[in-house]
Amino acid sequence: MGDESSLSLTELNDRIAILRDNIRQLIEQAAGASGEQSEARIADRISQQNAELERLTNEREARLKK
């Protein structure tokens, strides 16, 4: 996404909370999913959400250290 720097700390925190909730929901979906294709698709989405979460968390930590 790359627009983390334009977000306020509150917006960053909100997006982090949303991503964590998305990941939790995806994990629940994965538990109930059957079939390799749907499992792989959910795993890909979890991976994307985790990558975004890591980026936002790193941005927040960098700001809090300033």
Protein backbone atom coordinates (compact mmCIF):
# COMPACT_ATOMS: atom_id res chain seq x y z
CA MET A 1 0.00 0.00 0.00
CA GLY A 2 2.77 2.44 0.91
CA ASP A 3 0.54 5.18 2.31
CA GLU A 4 1.25 4.38 5.96
CA SER A 5 3.20 7.61 6.45
CA SER A 6 0.14 9.72 5.62
CA LEU A 7 -1.95 8.03 8.30
CA SER A 8 -2.38 9.43 11.78
CA LEU A 9 -1.38 7.20 14.70
CA THR A 10 -5.09 6.65 15.42
CA GLU A 11 -5.70 5.57 11.82
CA LEU A 12 -2.70 3.24 12.00
CA ASN A 13 -4.04 1.68 15.19
CA ASP A 14 -7.49 1.30 13.62
CA ARG A 15 -6.06 -0.41 10.53
CA ILE A 16 -3.94 -2.71 12.69
CA ALA A 17 -7.05 -3.69 14.68
CA ILE A 18 -9.02 -4.33 11.46
CA LEU A 19 -6.21 -6.46 10.02
CA ARG A 20 -5.98 -8.53 13.21
CA ASP A 21 -9.74 -9.08 13.08
CA ASN A 22 -9.56 -10.02 9.37
CA ILE A 23 -6.79 -12.53 10.12
CA ARG A 24 -8.80 -14.05 12.98
CA GLN A 25 -11.83 -14.42 10.69
CA LEU A 26 -9.72 -15.93 7.91
CA ILE A 27 -8.24 -18.47 10.33
CA GLU A 28 -11.78 -19.43 11.39
CA GLN A 29 -12.75 -19.78 7.71
CA ALA A 30 -9.67 -21.91 7.06
CA ALA A 31 -10.66 -24.23 9.89
CA GLY A 32 -14.04 -24.80 8.25
CA ALA A 33 -12.79 -24.85 4.66
CA SER A 34 -12.65 -28.02 2.67
CA GLY A 35 -10.74 -28.55 -0.51
CA GLU A 36 -7.21 -27.57 -1.40
CA GLN A 37 -8.20 -24.60 -3.57
CA SER A 38 -10.21 -22.82 -0.90
CA GLU A 39 -7.58 -23.58 1.74
CA ALA A 40 -4.83 -22.23 -0.52
CA ARG A 41 -6.85 -19.09 -1.29
CA ILE A 42 -7.46 -18.45 2.40
CA ALA A 43 -3.79 -19.09 3.18
CA ASP A 44 -2.82 -16.52 0.53
CA ARG A 45 -5.17 -13.95 2.03
CA ILE A 46 -3.84 -14.62 5.53
CA SER A 47 -0.32 -14.15 4.20
CA GLN A 48 -1.26 -10.83 2.55
CA GLN A 49 -3.02 -9.59 5.68
CA ASN A 50 -0.05 -10.59 7.85
CA ALA A 51 2.36 -8.74 5.54
CA GLU A 52 0.22 -5.59 5.72
CA LEU A 53 -0.08 -5.97 9.51
CA GLU A 54 3.70 -6.24 9.82
CA ARG A 55 4.21 -3.10 7.68
CA LEU A 56 1.74 -1.08 9.73
CA THR A 57 3.10 -2.36 13.04
CA ASN A 58 6.65 -1.43 11.98
CA GLU A 59 5.49 2.04 10.93
CA ARG A 60 3.76 2.51 14.30
CA GLU A 61 6.85 1.35 16.23
CA ALA A 62 9.08 3.69 14.21
CA ARG A 63 6.82 6.64 15.04
CA LEU A 64 6.58 5.80 18.72
CA LYS A 65 10.39 5.77 18.98
CA LYS A 66 10.65 9.33 17.62
